[in-house]
Each structure stands twice: as C-alpha cells, then as structure tokens.
Amino acid sequence: MSRGPQLPEEARKRQFCATVCADAKKAVAFFPSVNAVVTSPPYWGKRVYGGSGAEVGKEADVDEYIEALTDVFASVRLHPRGSITVNIGDRRNSRGGLLDIPHRFVRAMLSRGFLLADQIIWAKGAVMTDGNSKGGWMPEPASGRLNGNAFEELFRFVRTRKVSEAWTDTCAVAIPRGNVEDIRHLPEELMACHTSIEGRSPANVWLVPMGQTKEKHFGVFPATLIERCIAMTCPVWVNGDGSLLERQIEMVPYIEGRGSDRYLGKRSLVRPDADGEMREMCGRNDTGHPYVPRKPVTVGWSECDPSGRPGVVLDPFCGTGTTGEVAMKLGRSFIGIDLYEDYCEMTRERCEETIRLLKLQRLEPVRLIR
C-alpha cells in the first residue's frame, strides 16, 4: 500500500488556527505568506451581515464590488505556487436579467495577472430527462424563465507562468477507477469526499447538496464542497526554505479488465494496418495507436525538512468557519478573517471543537495522509 509523507513527530503540534476580526480589504496584506485561499465572499446586494459600511457586497454598483474583491485577492501574500479558489454567485437586475457577476469577476482577475486554472460547477441539483431530479435547490419566483438556484460556480486562480507549475495534488482528489485498489487519501472521518489516489482525475461538475448550519448565517457552503479544493491546492507541508512537499508518482500500466487490443479513437475488431484503415473508418488522424491503461502510483515524496510547518489556508471572509474546520481535518493550518466579531467567534469555536474531536478520536491527519 502507498505510504504517506514521512513528517516529523511534532508535525501535528505545528498546525495552528488563527481568526482575526478585521476588514479583509486592509488586513490580508499584513499576513505572512499563505499557500491557498479558499473562500466564498458575500454576494453583491444579496444579504446584509452587519452594520459596517466596509462590508463587501454593499457597494453602490457591481463594478465597485468586483474591484473590491479583486483588490483583496491581489493583496494576498500568496506563495508563488499557491492557488485562490473563490465561490461566487450571480444576481438579477430590476428587469430580471442576470448581471453575469461571476464571469465579470473572472475577467477582472485575469486583468490583474492571474490565470484561471479551473472552473467548477457546484450542482446543488439536476433535472433528469424522465422528469425526476437529484439533489435540491431553493425555490424562487421564475416567471418566464427557469429557476436559477440549482448551481453556483467556483473559480481557481494561480499566478504561476503556467497552470501546471502551481502546486497541485490531483491524486488527493482522484475518483476510483475499475479494477484498481481503492486507496483513500484520508479516512472518511477526516475527508467525507471519496477519493482514490490511484484513480482518475475528477470532472469539474460536482453534485453537492446545499450546506446547513445551526448558526445564524445566511450564506453557508458545505464542507464537502471545499474538501477537494484544499486537498488539491494546499500542500501538506512547507519546508523551511519555502519549498513544498511533493507527491512523487509513476504512471504504471495495469489490467483494466475491459478486454485487449484497444486503440485510441474508434473501437474496432479490425487492427489498424499500415495503410491507415482505422483512420479511414473513424475520420481521426491520431487513431491506430495501441491504448495502454496506466494509473498513478505514489512511489514516494520529496524531501521533508523537519523544521517546516503544515501548509496554510486563508479565508478572508470566514463567516461561520467551514473552511477552518476542513483545513483542520485535512492537517493544514488556517487563517480566518471576518469583519464581524460574532462570526470570528463562531469560527474560533468551530476550529477548537474540531481539534478537540480529533484528539478525542486519536486522529492525526498528517499521519493518515496517503
């Protein structure tokens, strides 16, 4: 079985959680370097969380709102290989038309020098062709149009020269593949999303039920929505020199169990010949090459500096602390910022309760990672 990284004995003690009551627009630049940002900022004109005029979402117009958000993310002291994942929603104008806020936000981030690495659809529910539906969504008046509450979007941004240069552990979020041993990245108690480190890369549409909370907060995203975001983009360990712990993999052939003599492109009982018979059959120029199934096998990890620390996740709009709870369970450290002390206190209590439960259950995430 694949082994996890060989972290120092005191690694768990170096994990920390810090929550600060402050205006994110002013505060983020003063924090030390973070490895990942995962957040859901207040949506424009949707809700009021308190009485401060500095609250994001209260801006006079959409352009001002988007500028405020991009100012926050551009000011984050992000590790050179770090990622910023943002869940953001749309709203309608007085005439009923969508304002297209998510994609206007993306264009603004691109103009600040970011690359859009991933666009993820959070499907809260879906309607099937037989009329049945899966999942659920909030009802809304929808005269002359469809109910628009069944999905939202998440965008992952990086500032590397190429997307492939950002720190990414796709094995941590892979989905099971047939005829391959199912080795979870973390046990279910720590990461509810089913992952399989020798599996396939997941698609970018995630069917995740809406979040629920007992706290007085009106815009909660579910923990299962952001587990993959943190596991994939925040390194388990940061060495003292700033280098990041890397999973080392080899793509190893395996028996897929779907028969032999498979080729790229159209399946056929006829082997391709020198005259390109299969290319003529299916109209593809890349057909005729034998298909060899391969899976990623973890053969080790890069060198671990014992003087380092766990990777740090920042949520500049932490609310009730969902991101903090997930970061703690995944063995990362967490910094949360919120404009209102009530929400900061909720986040602190939630993170502290998570740490207590981990100790009670004798679960050490940094020792259980595979």
Protein backbone atom coordinates (compact mmCIF):
# COMPACT_ATOMS: atom_id res chain seq x y z
CA MET A 1 0.00 0.00 0.00
CA SER A 2 1.16 3.54 -0.75
CA ARG A 3 2.80 5.25 2.20
CA GLY A 4 2.17 8.80 3.27
CA PRO A 5 4.82 11.50 3.69
CA GLN A 6 7.30 10.95 6.49
CA LEU A 7 6.55 14.06 8.55
CA PRO A 8 8.29 14.89 11.84
CA GLU A 9 6.77 13.59 15.08
CA GLU A 10 5.76 17.08 16.23
CA ALA A 11 4.05 17.97 12.92
CA ARG A 12 0.59 17.89 14.47
CA LYS A 13 1.63 20.41 17.14
CA ARG A 14 2.72 22.90 14.48
CA GLN A 15 -0.75 23.06 12.99
CA PHE A 16 -2.44 26.31 14.00
CA CYS A 17 -5.73 28.16 13.65
CA ALA A 18 -5.89 31.98 13.83
CA THR A 19 -9.02 34.11 13.42
CA VAL A 20 -8.89 37.90 13.18
CA CYS A 21 -11.72 40.43 13.26
CA ALA A 22 -10.76 42.95 10.57
CA ASP A 23 -11.62 44.43 7.19
CA ALA A 24 -10.17 41.94 4.71
CA LYS A 25 -9.51 44.73 2.20
CA LYS A 26 -6.98 46.18 4.63
CA ALA A 27 -5.80 43.14 6.57
CA VAL A 28 -4.74 40.50 4.02
CA ALA A 29 -1.54 42.28 3.02
CA PHE A 30 -0.22 42.14 6.59
CA PHE A 31 -0.41 38.36 7.00
CA PRO A 32 2.57 36.13 6.19
CA SER A 33 2.63 34.03 3.04
CA VAL A 34 -0.23 31.55 2.63
CA ASN A 35 -0.38 28.52 0.37
CA ALA A 36 -4.03 28.56 -0.64
CA VAL A 37 -7.07 30.79 -0.39
CA VAL A 38 -10.48 29.10 -0.28
CA THR A 39 -13.45 31.39 0.27
CA SER A 40 -16.99 32.43 -0.56
CA PRO A 41 -17.21 36.23 -0.32
CA PRO A 42 -20.55 37.97 0.29
CA TYR A 43 -22.54 38.19 -2.94
CA TRP A 44 -23.36 41.66 -4.22
CA GLY A 45 -26.66 43.09 -3.00
CA LYS A 46 -27.92 39.74 -1.69
CA ARG A 47 -27.64 39.92 2.10
CA VAL A 48 -26.60 42.25 4.89
CA TYR A 49 -24.46 40.63 7.59
CA GLY A 50 -23.98 43.63 9.89
CA GLY A 51 -23.92 47.39 10.18
CA SER A 52 -20.44 48.21 8.90
CA GLY A 53 -20.16 50.32 5.76
CA ALA A 54 -16.95 48.42 4.92
CA GLU A 55 -18.90 45.19 4.32
CA VAL A 56 -18.19 43.66 0.91
CA GLY A 57 -21.44 43.31 -1.03
CA LYS A 58 -22.83 46.72 -0.05
CA GLU A 59 -21.10 48.60 -2.86
CA ALA A 60 -23.12 51.04 -4.94
CA ASP A 61 -22.68 49.09 -8.17
CA VAL A 62 -21.34 45.79 -9.49
CA ASP A 63 -18.11 47.27 -10.87
CA GLU A 64 -17.22 48.68 -7.45
CA TYR A 65 -17.99 45.30 -5.85
CA ILE A 66 -15.77 43.41 -8.29
CA GLU A 67 -12.96 45.92 -7.82
CA ALA A 68 -13.17 45.47 -4.04
CA LEU A 69 -12.92 41.68 -4.39
CA THR A 70 -10.02 41.73 -6.81
CA ASP A 71 -8.21 44.22 -4.57
CA VAL A 72 -8.47 41.71 -1.71
CA PHE A 73 -7.15 38.75 -3.70
CA ALA A 74 -4.41 40.73 -5.42
CA SER A 75 -3.18 41.89 -1.98
CA VAL A 76 -2.88 38.37 -0.52
CA ARG A 77 0.72 37.34 0.09
CA LEU A 78 0.30 34.12 -1.85
CA HIS A 79 3.06 31.54 -2.17
CA PRO A 80 4.47 31.68 -5.73
CA ARG A 81 2.88 28.26 -6.39
CA GLY A 82 -0.31 28.96 -4.47
CA SER A 83 -3.95 28.92 -5.58
CA ILE A 84 -7.01 31.07 -4.87
CA THR A 85 -10.39 29.31 -5.07
CA VAL A 86 -13.48 31.53 -4.97
CA ASN A 87 -17.15 30.52 -4.81
CA ILE A 88 -19.20 33.42 -6.17
CA GLY A 89 -22.81 33.76 -7.26
CA ASP A 90 -24.85 35.97 -9.57
CA ARG A 91 -27.94 38.12 -9.15
CA ARG A 92 -30.51 39.79 -11.37
CA ASN A 93 -31.18 43.43 -12.14
CA SER A 94 -34.55 45.16 -11.82
CA ARG A 95 -35.55 43.95 -15.30
CA GLY A 96 -34.93 40.30 -14.42
CA GLY A 97 -31.71 39.88 -16.37
CA LEU A 98 -28.63 38.21 -14.93
CA LEU A 99 -25.71 40.57 -14.26
CA ASP A 100 -23.12 37.87 -15.05
CA ILE A 101 -21.14 38.75 -11.93
CA PRO A 102 -19.07 35.52 -11.75
CA HIS A 103 -17.61 35.92 -15.22
CA ARG A 104 -17.11 39.67 -14.88
CA PHE A 105 -15.14 38.83 -11.73
CA VAL A 106 -13.06 36.30 -13.67
CA ARG A 107 -12.21 38.87 -16.34
CA ALA A 108 -11.17 41.33 -13.64
CA MET A 109 -8.89 38.72 -12.02
CA LEU A 110 -7.32 37.92 -15.39
CA SER A 111 -6.60 41.61 -15.89
CA ARG A 112 -4.70 41.52 -12.57
CA GLY A 113 -2.31 38.88 -13.91
CA PHE A 114 -3.98 35.71 -12.61
CA LEU A 115 -4.53 32.55 -14.67
CA LEU A 116 -7.86 30.73 -14.46
CA ALA A 117 -6.80 27.16 -13.68
CA ASP A 118 -10.19 25.58 -13.01
CA GLN A 119 -13.86 26.46 -13.43
CA ILE A 120 -16.00 24.21 -11.25
CA ILE A 121 -19.77 23.89 -11.38
CA TRP A 122 -21.30 23.30 -7.95
CA ALA A 123 -24.50 21.48 -8.90
CA LYS A 124 -26.89 21.55 -5.96
CA GLY A 125 -29.32 19.51 -8.01
CA ALA A 126 -30.10 18.36 -11.54
CA VAL A 127 -33.24 17.59 -13.55
CA MET A 128 -33.23 14.26 -15.38
CA THR A 129 -34.82 13.57 -18.76
CA ASP A 130 -37.50 11.43 -17.11
CA GLY A 131 -38.71 14.43 -15.10
CA ASN A 132 -37.17 13.33 -11.82
CA SER A 133 -34.48 15.36 -10.08
CA LYS A 134 -31.44 14.74 -7.92
CA GLY A 135 -30.36 16.97 -5.08
CA GLY A 136 -32.27 20.12 -4.21
CA TRP A 137 -32.28 23.89 -4.58
CA MET A 138 -34.04 26.92 -3.19
CA PRO A 139 -37.40 27.74 -4.80
CA GLU A 140 -37.77 31.19 -6.35
CA PRO A 141 -40.34 33.09 -8.42
CA ALA A 142 -39.43 32.30 -12.03
CA SER A 143 -41.97 33.92 -14.34
CA GLY A 144 -40.90 33.39 -17.94
CA ARG A 145 -37.62 31.69 -17.06
CA LEU A 146 -36.05 28.76 -15.23
CA ASN A 147 -35.25 28.53 -11.54
CA GLY A 148 -31.65 29.72 -11.39
CA ASN A 149 -30.70 28.34 -7.97
CA ALA A 150 -29.55 24.83 -8.91
CA PHE A 151 -25.88 25.66 -9.37
CA GLU A 152 -23.09 28.06 -8.49
CA GLU A 153 -19.51 28.33 -9.68
CA LEU A 154 -16.06 28.07 -8.15
CA PHE A 155 -13.02 29.52 -9.85
CA ARG A 156 -9.42 28.57 -9.11
CA PHE A 157 -6.76 31.17 -9.95
CA VAL A 158 -2.96 30.88 -9.93
CA ARG A 159 -0.14 33.33 -10.59
CA THR A 160 2.43 30.93 -11.99
CA ARG A 161 3.84 31.21 -15.51
CA LYS A 162 1.89 28.07 -16.45
CA VAL A 163 -1.03 26.41 -14.66
CA SER A 164 0.99 23.18 -14.41
CA GLU A 165 3.60 24.97 -12.27
CA ALA A 166 1.15 25.65 -9.41
CA TRP A 167 1.25 23.15 -6.54
CA THR A 168 -1.43 20.57 -7.25
CA ASP A 169 -2.06 17.09 -5.85
CA THR A 170 -4.63 15.58 -8.19
CA CYS A 171 -4.12 12.15 -6.61
CA ALA A 172 -5.63 13.51 -3.39
CA VAL A 173 -8.94 14.12 -5.17
CA ALA A 174 -8.95 11.34 -7.77
CA ILE A 175 -12.03 9.15 -8.17
CA PRO A 176 -11.96 5.32 -8.22
CA ARG A 177 -11.17 3.51 -11.46
CA GLY A 178 -12.20 0.00 -12.36
CA ASN A 179 -10.04 -2.96 -11.43
CA VAL A 180 -7.74 -0.83 -9.23
CA GLU A 181 -7.34 -1.00 -5.44
CA ASP A 182 -9.26 1.84 -3.81
CA ILE A 183 -6.73 3.64 -1.55
CA ARG A 184 -8.22 6.71 0.11
CA HIS A 185 -6.19 9.89 0.52
CA LEU A 186 -7.63 10.29 4.04
CA PRO A 187 -10.14 8.23 6.04
CA GLU A 188 -13.82 9.14 5.81
CA GLU A 189 -13.80 10.70 9.30
CA LEU A 190 -11.41 13.37 8.01
CA MET A 191 -12.47 13.73 4.38
CA ALA A 192 -16.02 12.75 3.50
CA CYS A 193 -15.46 13.01 -0.27
CA HIS A 194 -14.50 9.60 -1.56
CA THR A 195 -11.07 9.78 -3.15
CA SER A 196 -8.77 7.12 -4.57
CA ILE A 197 -5.13 8.11 -5.02
CA GLU A 198 -4.62 5.67 -7.90
CA GLY A 199 -7.83 6.71 -9.57
CA ARG A 200 -8.90 9.09 -12.35
CA SER A 201 -8.95 12.88 -12.31
CA PRO A 202 -12.47 14.04 -11.42
CA ALA A 203 -14.58 16.16 -13.75
CA ASN A 204 -15.33 19.79 -12.93
CA VAL A 205 -19.05 19.34 -12.19
CA TRP A 206 -19.70 18.38 -8.56
CA LEU A 207 -23.12 17.35 -7.30
CA VAL A 208 -23.06 18.52 -3.67
CA PRO A 209 -26.14 19.21 -1.50
CA MET A 210 -26.55 22.68 -0.03
CA GLY A 211 -24.85 23.44 3.28
CA GLN A 212 -26.65 23.59 6.59
CA THR A 213 -25.68 25.30 9.82
CA LYS A 214 -27.20 25.79 13.24
CA GLU A 215 -25.58 29.23 13.43
CA LYS A 216 -27.25 32.48 12.36
CA HIS A 217 -25.66 32.83 8.95
CA PHE A 218 -27.38 33.01 5.61
CA GLY A 219 -24.70 32.08 3.10
CA VAL A 220 -23.09 28.77 4.05
CA PHE A 221 -21.27 26.48 1.68
CA PRO A 222 -20.99 22.78 2.65
CA ALA A 223 -17.75 21.30 3.96
CA THR A 224 -17.81 18.60 1.26
CA LEU A 225 -17.70 21.30 -1.42
CA ILE A 226 -14.30 22.59 -0.35
CA GLU A 227 -12.58 19.39 0.80
CA ARG A 228 -11.28 18.77 -2.72
CA CYS A 229 -10.24 22.41 -3.11
CA ILE A 230 -8.00 22.31 -0.03
CA ALA A 231 -6.67 18.77 -0.53
CA MET A 232 -5.72 19.54 -4.13
CA THR A 233 -4.24 23.04 -3.79
CA CYS A 234 -2.74 23.38 -0.29
CA PRO A 235 0.46 21.39 0.35
CA VAL A 236 0.60 19.12 3.36
CA TRP A 237 3.99 20.52 4.38
CA VAL A 238 6.09 23.61 3.66
CA ASN A 239 9.83 23.30 4.20
CA GLY A 240 11.84 25.95 5.99
CA ASP A 241 13.16 27.35 2.71
CA GLY A 242 9.64 27.71 1.29
CA SER A 243 9.79 24.64 -0.95
CA LEU A 244 6.74 22.38 -0.89
CA LEU A 245 6.35 18.69 -0.17
CA GLU A 246 5.56 16.92 -3.45
CA ARG A 247 3.95 13.57 -4.16
CA GLN A 248 6.15 11.54 -6.50
CA ILE A 249 4.23 9.30 -8.87
CA GLU A 250 4.84 6.90 -11.71
CA MET A 251 2.26 6.09 -14.37
CA VAL A 252 2.14 2.31 -14.19
CA PRO A 253 0.35 0.03 -16.69
CA TYR A 254 -2.45 -2.05 -15.21
CA ILE A 255 -5.08 -4.56 -16.34
CA GLU A 256 -8.20 -2.55 -16.97
CA GLY A 257 -10.48 -5.58 -17.30
CA ARG A 258 -12.16 -4.33 -20.47
CA GLY A 259 -10.57 -6.65 -22.98
CA SER A 260 -7.38 -6.47 -25.04
CA ASP A 261 -6.34 -4.91 -28.35
CA ARG A 262 -7.83 -1.48 -27.70
CA TYR A 263 -6.77 1.51 -29.75
CA LEU A 264 -7.11 5.26 -29.46
CA GLY A 265 -10.24 6.51 -31.18
CA LYS A 266 -12.98 4.33 -32.59
CA ARG A 267 -13.12 0.77 -31.28
CA SER A 268 -12.95 -1.87 -33.94
CA LEU A 269 -12.47 -5.57 -34.31
CA VAL A 270 -10.07 -4.79 -37.14
CA ARG A 271 -6.48 -3.98 -36.26
CA PRO A 272 -5.19 -0.80 -37.93
CA ASP A 273 -2.79 -1.51 -40.77
CA ALA A 274 0.00 0.41 -42.44
CA ASP A 275 -2.48 1.98 -44.86
CA GLY A 276 -4.39 3.64 -42.04
CA GLU A 277 -7.54 1.52 -42.32
CA MET A 278 -8.84 2.58 -38.90
CA ARG A 279 -8.19 6.25 -39.58
CA GLU A 280 -10.39 5.95 -42.65
CA MET A 281 -13.10 4.22 -40.62
CA CYS A 282 -13.43 6.91 -37.94
CA GLY A 283 -12.00 10.06 -39.51
CA ARG A 284 -9.31 10.60 -36.85
CA ASN A 285 -5.66 11.25 -37.58
CA ASP A 286 -4.47 10.08 -34.15
CA THR A 287 -6.14 6.66 -34.32
CA GLY A 288 -4.32 3.40 -34.64
CA HIS A 289 -2.07 3.62 -31.58
CA PRO A 290 -2.48 0.85 -29.01
CA TYR A 291 -4.13 2.04 -25.79
CA VAL A 292 -2.23 1.05 -22.63
CA PRO A 293 -4.18 1.79 -19.41
CA ARG A 294 -1.98 3.45 -16.79
CA LYS A 295 -2.62 4.53 -13.22
CA PRO A 296 -0.68 6.95 -10.98
CA VAL A 297 1.22 5.08 -8.26
CA THR A 298 2.77 7.01 -5.36
CA VAL A 299 6.39 5.91 -5.15
CA GLY A 300 7.45 8.42 -2.51
CA TRP A 301 7.51 12.07 -1.52
CA SER A 302 10.04 14.82 -1.97
CA GLU A 303 12.47 15.63 0.83
CA CYS A 304 10.80 16.81 4.02
CA ASP A 305 12.52 19.43 6.16
CA PRO A 306 11.67 18.71 9.84
CA SER A 307 11.91 22.43 10.62
CA GLY A 308 8.98 23.21 8.31
CA ARG A 309 5.25 23.53 9.00
CA PRO A 310 1.86 22.48 7.58
CA GLY A 311 0.52 24.39 4.59
CA VAL A 312 -1.66 27.42 5.39
CA VAL A 313 -5.18 28.05 4.10
CA LEU A 314 -6.62 31.58 4.21
CA ASP A 315 -10.30 32.51 4.17
CA PRO A 316 -10.63 36.32 4.14
CA PHE A 317 -14.44 36.06 4.53
CA CYS A 318 -14.57 33.19 7.02
CA GLY A 319 -18.17 33.52 8.29
CA THR A 320 -19.01 30.51 10.46
CA GLY A 321 -15.68 28.77 9.78
CA THR A 322 -16.41 25.98 7.32
CA THR A 323 -13.03 26.44 5.64
CA GLY A 324 -11.29 26.37 9.01
CA GLU A 325 -12.95 23.12 10.04
CA VAL A 326 -11.98 21.42 6.77
CA ALA A 327 -8.41 22.73 6.96
CA MET A 328 -8.02 21.32 10.48
CA LYS A 329 -9.34 17.91 9.43
CA LEU A 330 -7.01 17.80 6.45
CA GLY A 331 -3.94 18.58 8.55
CA ARG A 332 -3.42 22.13 7.30
CA SER A 333 -3.19 25.38 9.25
CA PHE A 334 -5.83 28.09 8.92
CA ILE A 335 -6.13 31.87 8.99
CA GLY A 336 -9.63 33.33 9.01
CA ILE A 337 -10.67 36.98 8.67
CA ASP A 338 -14.14 38.40 9.16
CA LEU A 339 -15.45 41.92 9.57
CA TYR A 340 -17.74 40.98 12.45
CA GLU A 341 -16.63 39.62 15.82
CA ASP A 342 -19.69 37.35 16.13
CA TYR A 343 -18.62 35.37 13.09
CA CYS A 344 -14.99 35.34 14.17
CA GLU A 345 -16.06 33.79 17.46
CA MET A 346 -18.12 31.16 15.61
CA THR A 347 -15.07 30.28 13.53
CA ARG A 348 -12.80 30.05 16.58
CA GLU A 349 -15.22 27.80 18.42
CA ARG A 350 -15.72 25.59 15.38
CA CYS A 351 -12.00 25.13 14.81
CA GLU A 352 -11.33 24.50 18.50
CA GLU A 353 -14.14 21.94 18.63
CA THR A 354 -12.71 20.21 15.56
CA ILE A 355 -9.28 20.00 17.19
CA ARG A 356 -10.84 18.57 20.37
CA LEU A 357 -12.71 15.92 18.40
CA LEU A 358 -9.57 14.92 16.50
CA LYS A 359 -7.70 14.46 19.78
CA LEU A 360 -10.61 12.55 21.33
CA GLN A 361 -10.78 10.20 18.35
CA ARG A 362 -6.98 9.98 18.18
CA LEU A 363 -6.99 11.07 14.57
CA GLU A 364 -3.81 12.74 13.30
CA PRO A 365 -4.42 13.89 9.71
CA VAL A 366 -0.74 14.44 8.91
CA ARG A 367 -0.04 10.81 9.84
CA LEU A 368 -3.01 9.33 7.93
CA ILE A 369 -2.43 11.01 4.56
CA ARG A 370 -1.72 8.64 1.70
